[in-house]
């Protein structure tokens, strides 16, 4: 399990906005609607998103806009 954790990167909100092109409010709205990956709690007042989940979401959006299936 430890080797899997070494490859996990957590993105904070600014990183998510930069990666996706979404605004803060759009990110939270899509998450609340179940259309964006859920964030994880990092501490009392800190949270973040798993980078691979955000990247998969972006890949799905690209595939949907191109009318093709998502590549693995």
PDB file of N, CA and C in Angstrom:
ATOM      1  N   UNK A   1       0.825  -1.201   0.000  1.00  0.00           N
ATOM      2  CA  UNK A   1       0.000   0.000   0.000  1.00  0.00           C
ATOM      3  C   UNK A   1       0.864   1.259   0.000  1.00  0.00           C
ATOM      4  N   UNK A   2       1.993   1.215   0.668  1.00  0.00           N
ATOM      5  CA  UNK A   2       2.853   2.382   0.753  1.00  0.00           C
ATOM      6  C   UNK A   2       3.323   2.847  -0.623  1.00  0.00           C
ATOM      7  N   UNK A   3       3.636   1.905  -1.523  1.00  0.00           N
ATOM      8  CA  UNK A   3       4.097   2.283  -2.857  1.00  0.00           C
ATOM      9  C   UNK A   3       3.005   3.006  -3.643  1.00  0.00           C
ATOM     10  N   UNK A   4       1.756   2.643  -3.421  1.00  0.00           N
ATOM     11  CA  UNK A   4       0.654   3.339  -4.090  1.00  0.00           C
ATOM     12  C   UNK A   4       0.526   4.773  -3.593  1.00  0.00           C
ATOM     13  N   UNK A   5       0.748   4.984  -2.318  1.00  0.00           N
ATOM     14  CA  UNK A   5       0.625   6.312  -1.739  1.00  0.00           C
ATOM     15  C   UNK A   5       1.715   7.260  -2.217  1.00  0.00           C
ATOM     16  N   UNK A   6       2.862   6.746  -2.587  1.00  0.00           N
ATOM     17  CA  UNK A   6       3.948   7.598  -3.057  1.00  0.00           C
ATOM     18  C   UNK A   6       3.579   8.327  -4.341  1.00  0.00           C
ATOM     19  N   UNK A   7       2.695   7.761  -5.127  1.00  0.00           N
ATOM     20  CA  UNK A   7       2.326   8.356  -6.411  1.00  0.00           C
ATOM     21  C   UNK A   7       1.100   9.257  -6.328  1.00  0.00           C
ATOM     22  N   UNK A   8       0.486   9.359  -5.177  1.00  0.00           N
ATOM     23  CA  UNK A   8      -0.719  10.177  -5.031  1.00  0.00           C
ATOM     24  C   UNK A   8      -0.324  11.617  -4.746  1.00  0.00           C
ATOM     25  N   UNK A   9      -0.902  12.529  -5.504  1.00  0.00           N
ATOM     26  CA  UNK A   9      -0.666  13.956  -5.301  1.00  0.00           C
ATOM     27  C   UNK A   9      -2.004  14.620  -5.005  1.00  0.00           C
ATOM     28  N   UNK A  10      -2.014  15.482  -4.019  1.00  0.00           N
ATOM     29  CA  UNK A  10      -3.220  16.208  -3.633  1.00  0.00           C
ATOM     30  C   UNK A  10      -3.145  17.619  -4.197  1.00  0.00           C
ATOM     31  N   UNK A  11      -4.208  18.037  -4.857  1.00  0.00           N
ATOM     32  CA  UNK A  11      -4.292  19.387  -5.414  1.00  0.00           C
ATOM     33  C   UNK A  11      -5.150  20.260  -4.521  1.00  0.00           C
ATOM     34  N   UNK A  12      -4.688  21.445  -4.246  1.00  0.00           N
ATOM     35  CA  UNK A  12      -5.494  22.426  -3.525  1.00  0.00           C
ATOM     36  C   UNK A  12      -6.370  23.156  -4.545  1.00  0.00           C
ATOM     37  N   UNK A  13      -7.297  23.953  -4.075  1.00  0.00           N
ATOM     38  CA  UNK A  13      -8.291  24.579  -4.944  1.00  0.00           C
ATOM     39  C   UNK A  13      -7.658  25.386  -6.078  1.00  0.00           C
ATOM     40  N   UNK A  14      -6.654  26.182  -5.782  1.00  0.00           N
ATOM     41  CA  UNK A  14      -6.025  26.978  -6.842  1.00  0.00           C
ATOM     42  C   UNK A  14      -5.440  26.095  -7.936  1.00  0.00           C
ATOM     43  N   UNK A  15      -4.850  24.959  -7.539  1.00  0.00           N
ATOM     44  CA  UNK A  15      -4.308  24.019  -8.523  1.00  0.00           C
ATOM     45  C   UNK A  15      -5.418  23.407  -9.372  1.00  0.00           C
ATOM     46  N   UNK A  16      -6.533  23.077  -8.737  1.00  0.00           N
ATOM     47  CA  UNK A  16      -7.675  22.509  -9.459  1.00  0.00           C
ATOM     48  C   UNK A  16      -8.217  23.522 -10.463  1.00  0.00           C
ATOM     49  N   UNK A  17      -8.362  24.756 -10.038  1.00  0.00           N
ATOM     50  CA  UNK A  17      -8.863  25.800 -10.941  1.00  0.00           C
ATOM     51  C   UNK A  17      -7.918  26.001 -12.121  1.00  0.00           C
ATOM     52  N   UNK A  18      -6.616  25.976 -11.857  1.00  0.00           N
ATOM     53  CA  UNK A  18      -5.632  26.143 -12.923  1.00  0.00           C
ATOM     54  C   UNK A  18      -5.660  24.956 -13.880  1.00  0.00           C
ATOM     55  N   UNK A  19      -5.793  23.749 -13.353  1.00  0.00           N
ATOM     56  CA  UNK A  19      -5.804  22.536 -14.172  1.00  0.00           C
ATOM     57  C   UNK A  19      -7.046  22.434 -15.039  1.00  0.00           C
ATOM     58  N   UNK A  20      -8.206  22.785 -14.471  1.00  0.00           N
ATOM     59  CA  UNK A  20      -9.478  22.595 -15.168  1.00  0.00           C
ATOM     60  C   UNK A  20      -9.963  23.819 -15.927  1.00  0.00           C
ATOM     61  N   UNK A  21      -9.513  24.996 -15.520  1.00  0.00           N
ATOM     62  CA  UNK A  21     -10.034  26.222 -16.110  1.00  0.00           C
ATOM     63  C   UNK A  21     -11.348  26.657 -15.482  1.00  0.00           C
ATOM     64  N   UNK A  22     -11.788  25.947 -14.443  1.00  0.00           N
ATOM     65  CA  UNK A  22     -13.023  26.295 -13.748  1.00  0.00           C
ATOM     66  C   UNK A  22     -12.750  27.352 -12.681  1.00  0.00           C
ATOM     67  N   UNK A  23     -13.782  28.105 -12.347  1.00  0.00           N
ATOM     68  CA  UNK A  23     -13.667  29.037 -11.229  1.00  0.00           C
ATOM     69  C   UNK A  23     -13.889  28.278  -9.928  1.00  0.00           C
ATOM     70  N   UNK A  24     -13.630  28.940  -8.824  1.00  0.00           N
ATOM     71  CA  UNK A  24     -13.849  28.332  -7.512  1.00  0.00           C
ATOM     72  C   UNK A  24     -15.310  27.908  -7.359  1.00  0.00           C
ATOM     73  N   UNK A  25     -16.220  28.824  -7.688  1.00  0.00           N
ATOM     74  CA  UNK A  25     -17.645  28.524  -7.503  1.00  0.00           C
ATOM     75  C   UNK A  25     -18.119  27.418  -8.434  1.00  0.00           C
ATOM     76  N   UNK A  26     -17.612  27.376  -9.660  1.00  0.00           N
ATOM     77  CA  UNK A  26     -17.980  26.301 -10.586  1.00  0.00           C
ATOM     78  C   UNK A  26     -17.502  24.945 -10.058  1.00  0.00           C
ATOM     79  N   UNK A  27     -16.293  24.925  -9.513  1.00  0.00           N
ATOM     80  CA  UNK A  27     -15.744  23.692  -8.965  1.00  0.00           C
ATOM     81  C   UNK A  27     -16.628  23.166  -7.845  1.00  0.00           C
ATOM     82  N   UNK A  28     -16.974  24.034  -6.904  1.00  0.00           N
ATOM     83  CA  UNK A  28     -17.811  23.614  -5.780  1.00  0.00           C
ATOM     84  C   UNK A  28     -19.221  23.226  -6.230  1.00  0.00           C
ATOM     85  N   UNK A  29     -19.771  23.946  -7.206  1.00  0.00           N
ATOM     86  CA  UNK A  29     -21.111  23.637  -7.700  1.00  0.00           C
ATOM     87  C   UNK A  29     -21.141  22.272  -8.384  1.00  0.00           C
ATOM     88  N   UNK A  30     -20.166  22.008  -9.245  1.00  0.00           N
ATOM     89  CA  UNK A  30     -20.100  20.710  -9.921  1.00  0.00           C
ATOM     90  C   UNK A  30     -19.894  19.581  -8.919  1.00  0.00           C
ATOM     91  N   UNK A  31     -19.077  19.820  -7.911  1.00  0.00           N
ATOM     92  CA  UNK A  31     -18.863  18.802  -6.883  1.00  0.00           C
ATOM     93  C   UNK A  31     -20.161  18.527  -6.130  1.00  0.00           C
ATOM     94  N   UNK A  32     -20.879  19.567  -5.769  1.00  0.00           N
ATOM     95  CA  UNK A  32     -22.146  19.407  -5.044  1.00  0.00           C
ATOM     96  C   UNK A  32     -23.178  18.651  -5.881  1.00  0.00           C
ATOM     97  N   UNK A  33     -23.129  18.851  -7.205  1.00  0.00           N
ATOM     98  CA  UNK A  33     -24.051  18.171  -8.117  1.00  0.00           C
ATOM     99  C   UNK A  33     -23.606  16.747  -8.447  1.00  0.00           C
ATOM    100  N   UNK A  34     -22.447  16.337  -7.939  1.00  0.00           N
ATOM    101  CA  UNK A  34     -21.931  15.002  -8.227  1.00  0.00           C
ATOM    102  C   UNK A  34     -21.304  14.873  -9.596  1.00  0.00           C
ATOM    103  N   UNK A  35     -20.942  16.008 -10.200  1.00  0.00           N
ATOM    104  CA  UNK A  35     -20.377  15.990 -11.551  1.00  0.00           C
ATOM    105  C   UNK A  35     -18.891  16.328 -11.571  1.00  0.00           C
ATOM    106  N   UNK A  36     -18.274  16.334 -10.398  1.00  0.00           N
ATOM    107  CA  UNK A  36     -16.850  16.598 -10.269  1.00  0.00           C
ATOM    108  C   UNK A  36     -16.347  15.776  -9.093  1.00  0.00           C
ATOM    109  N   UNK A  37     -15.089  15.333  -9.132  1.00  0.00           N
ATOM    110  CA  UNK A  37     -14.574  14.520  -8.025  1.00  0.00           C
ATOM    111  C   UNK A  37     -14.740  15.208  -6.667  1.00  0.00           C
ATOM    112  N   UNK A  38     -14.988  14.400  -5.658  1.00  0.00           N
ATOM    113  CA  UNK A  38     -15.135  14.935  -4.300  1.00  0.00           C
ATOM    114  C   UNK A  38     -13.775  15.204  -3.696  1.00  0.00           C
ATOM    115  N   UNK A  39     -13.708  16.251  -2.919  1.00  0.00           N
ATOM    116  CA  UNK A  39     -12.443  16.564  -2.248  1.00  0.00           C
ATOM    117  C   UNK A  39     -12.281  15.702  -1.009  1.00  0.00           C
ATOM    118  N   UNK A  40     -11.068  15.644  -0.526  1.00  0.00           N
ATOM    119  CA  UNK A  40     -10.787  14.911   0.702  1.00  0.00           C
ATOM    120  C   UNK A  40     -10.375  15.904   1.779  1.00  0.00           C
ATOM    121  N   UNK A  41     -10.660  15.557   2.998  1.00  0.00           N
ATOM    122  CA  UNK A  41     -10.315  16.405   4.137  1.00  0.00           C
ATOM    123  C   UNK A  41      -8.853  16.188   4.486  1.00  0.00           C
ATOM    124  N   UNK A  42      -8.090  17.274   4.576  1.00  0.00           N
ATOM    125  CA  UNK A  42      -6.678  17.202   4.919  1.00  0.00           C
ATOM    126  C   UNK A  42      -6.417  17.639   6.350  1.00  0.00           C
ATOM    127  N   UNK A  43      -7.318  18.410   6.879  1.00  0.00           N
ATOM    128  CA  UNK A  43      -7.174  18.931   8.240  1.00  0.00           C
ATOM    129  C   UNK A  43      -8.451  19.632   8.641  1.00  0.00           C
ATOM    130  N   UNK A  44      -8.375  20.367   9.712  1.00  0.00           N
ATOM    131  CA  UNK A  44      -9.558  21.054  10.227  1.00  0.00           C
ATOM    132  C   UNK A  44     -10.144  22.015   9.193  1.00  0.00           C
ATOM    133  N   UNK A  45      -9.285  22.785   8.542  1.00  0.00           N
ATOM    134  CA  UNK A  45      -9.794  23.761   7.575  1.00  0.00           C
ATOM    135  C   UNK A  45      -9.116  23.628   6.213  1.00  0.00           C
ATOM    136  N   UNK A  46      -8.616  22.447   5.915  1.00  0.00           N
ATOM    137  CA  UNK A  46      -7.935  22.237   4.633  1.00  0.00           C
ATOM    138  C   UNK A  46      -8.510  21.005   3.937  1.00  0.00           C
ATOM    139  N   UNK A  47      -8.658  21.132   2.623  1.00  0.00           N
ATOM    140  CA  UNK A  47      -9.108  20.004   1.822  1.00  0.00           C
ATOM    141  C   UNK A  47      -8.424  20.075   0.465  1.00  0.00           C
ATOM    142  N   UNK A  48      -8.493  18.989  -0.274  1.00  0.00           N
ATOM    143  CA  UNK A  48      -7.882  18.944  -1.587  1.00  0.00           C
ATOM    144  C   UNK A  48      -8.486  17.842  -2.422  1.00  0.00           C
ATOM    145  N   UNK A  49      -8.079  17.795  -3.662  1.00  0.00           N
ATOM    146  CA  UNK A  49      -8.571  16.799  -4.606  1.00  0.00           C
ATOM    147  C   UNK A  49      -7.429  15.900  -5.030  1.00  0.00           C
ATOM    148  N   UNK A  50      -7.731  14.639  -5.280  1.00  0.00           N
ATOM    149  CA  UNK A  50      -6.721  13.703  -5.760  1.00  0.00           C
ATOM    150  C   UNK A  50      -6.451  14.014  -7.231  1.00  0.00           C
ATOM    151  N   UNK A  51      -5.192  14.269  -7.537  1.00  0.00           N
ATOM    152  CA  UNK A  51      -4.809  14.724  -8.873  1.00  0.00           C
ATOM    153  C   UNK A  51      -5.289  13.778  -9.967  1.00  0.00           C
ATOM    154  N   UNK A  52      -5.142  12.469  -9.776  1.00  0.00           N
ATOM    155  CA  UNK A  52      -5.534  11.514 -10.812  1.00  0.00           C
ATOM    156  C   UNK A  52      -7.033  11.564 -11.093  1.00  0.00           C
ATOM    157  N   UNK A  53      -7.838  11.837 -10.071  1.00  0.00           N
ATOM    158  CA  UNK A  53      -9.287  11.947 -10.270  1.00  0.00           C
ATOM    159  C   UNK A  53      -9.629  13.204 -11.064  1.00  0.00           C
ATOM    160  N   UNK A  54      -8.931  14.292 -10.780  1.00  0.00           N
ATOM    161  CA  UNK A  54      -9.162  15.536 -11.526  1.00  0.00           C
ATOM    162  C   UNK A  54      -8.716  15.345 -12.976  1.00  0.00           C
ATOM    163  N   UNK A  55      -7.576  14.702 -13.178  1.00  0.00           N
ATOM    164  CA  UNK A  55      -7.095  14.451 -14.536  1.00  0.00           C
ATOM    165  C   UNK A  55      -8.054  13.557 -15.312  1.00  0.00           C
ATOM    166  N   UNK A  56      -8.633  12.562 -14.654  1.00  0.00           N
ATOM    167  CA  UNK A  56      -9.619  11.697 -15.311  1.00  0.00           C
ATOM    168  C   UNK A  56     -10.851  12.493 -15.703  1.00  0.00           C
ATOM    169  N   UNK A  57     -11.272  13.395 -14.834  1.00  0.00           N
ATOM    170  CA  UNK A  57     -12.430  14.246 -15.125  1.00  0.00           C
ATOM    171  C   UNK A  57     -12.147  15.097 -16.361  1.00  0.00           C
ATOM    172  N   UNK A  58     -10.953  15.697 -16.421  1.00  0.00           N
ATOM    173  CA  UNK A  58     -10.578  16.513 -17.578  1.00  0.00           C
ATOM    174  C   UNK A  58     -10.578  15.649 -18.844  1.00  0.00           C
ATOM    175  N   UNK A  59     -10.009  14.450 -18.772  1.00  0.00           N
ATOM    176  CA  UNK A  59      -9.973  13.551 -19.930  1.00  0.00           C
ATOM    177  C   UNK A  59     -11.382  13.207 -20.402  1.00  0.00           C
ATOM    178  N   UNK A  60     -12.305  13.003 -19.466  1.00  0.00           N
ATOM    179  CA  UNK A  60     -13.701  12.723 -19.822  1.00  0.00           C
ATOM    180  C   UNK A  60     -14.328  13.914 -20.535  1.00  0.00           C
ATOM    181  N   UNK A  61     -14.037  15.126 -20.063  1.00  0.00           N
ATOM    182  CA  UNK A  61     -14.579  16.323 -20.705  1.00  0.00           C
ATOM    183  C   UNK A  61     -14.033  16.459 -22.119  1.00  0.00           C
ATOM    184  N   UNK A  62     -12.740  16.176 -22.300  1.00  0.00           N
ATOM    185  CA  UNK A  62     -12.135  16.247 -23.631  1.00  0.00           C
ATOM    186  C   UNK A  62     -12.796  15.226 -24.554  1.00  0.00           C
ATOM    187  N   UNK A  63     -12.931  13.995 -24.072  1.00  0.00           N
ATOM    188  CA  UNK A  63     -13.546  12.946 -24.883  1.00  0.00           C
ATOM    189  C   UNK A  63     -14.983  13.301 -25.240  1.00  0.00           C
ATOM    190  N   UNK A  64     -15.732  13.832 -24.277  1.00  0.00           N
ATOM    191  CA  UNK A  64     -17.125  14.200 -24.536  1.00  0.00           C
ATOM    192  C   UNK A  64     -17.216  15.317 -25.577  1.00  0.00           C
ATOM    193  N   UNK A  65     -16.291  16.255 -25.527  1.00  0.00           N
ATOM    194  CA  UNK A  65     -16.334  17.369 -26.480  1.00  0.00           C
ATOM    195  C   UNK A  65     -15.906  16.938 -27.874  1.00  0.00           C
ATOM    196  N   UNK A  66     -15.145  15.844 -27.930  1.00  0.00           N
ATOM    197  CA  UNK A  66     -14.672  15.325 -29.224  1.00  0.00           C
ATOM    198  C   UNK A  66     -15.589  14.221 -29.758  1.00  0.00           C
ATOM    199  N   UNK A  67     -16.517  13.771 -28.906  1.00  0.00           N
ATOM    200  CA  UNK A  67     -17.438  12.733 -29.325  1.00  0.00           C
ATOM    201  C   UNK A  67     -16.810  11.355 -29.403  1.00  0.00           C
ATOM    202  N   UNK A  68     -15.807  11.104 -28.560  1.00  0.00           N
ATOM    203  CA  UNK A  68     -15.138   9.799 -28.546  1.00  0.00           C
ATOM    204  C   UNK A  68     -15.112   9.243 -27.134  1.00  0.00           C
ATOM    205  N   UNK A  69     -14.793   7.936 -27.025  1.00  0.00           N
ATOM    206  CA  UNK A  69     -14.673   7.303 -25.723  1.00  0.00           C
ATOM    207  C   UNK A  69     -13.421   7.778 -24.993  1.00  0.00           C
ATOM    208  N   UNK A  70     -13.385   7.569 -23.701  1.00  0.00           N
ATOM    209  CA  UNK A  70     -12.243   7.981 -22.899  1.00  0.00           C
ATOM    210  C   UNK A  70     -11.129   6.957 -23.057  1.00  0.00           C
ATOM    211  N   UNK A  71      -9.947   7.409 -23.378  1.00  0.00           N
ATOM    212  CA  UNK A  71      -8.793   6.518 -23.481  1.00  0.00           C
ATOM    213  C   UNK A  71      -8.260   6.218 -22.088  1.00  0.00           C
ATOM    214  N   UNK A  72      -7.791   5.010 -21.876  1.00  0.00           N
ATOM    215  CA  UNK A  72      -7.282   4.612 -20.556  1.00  0.00           C
ATOM    216  C   UNK A  72      -5.918   5.174 -20.285  1.00  0.00           C
TER     217      UNK A  72
END
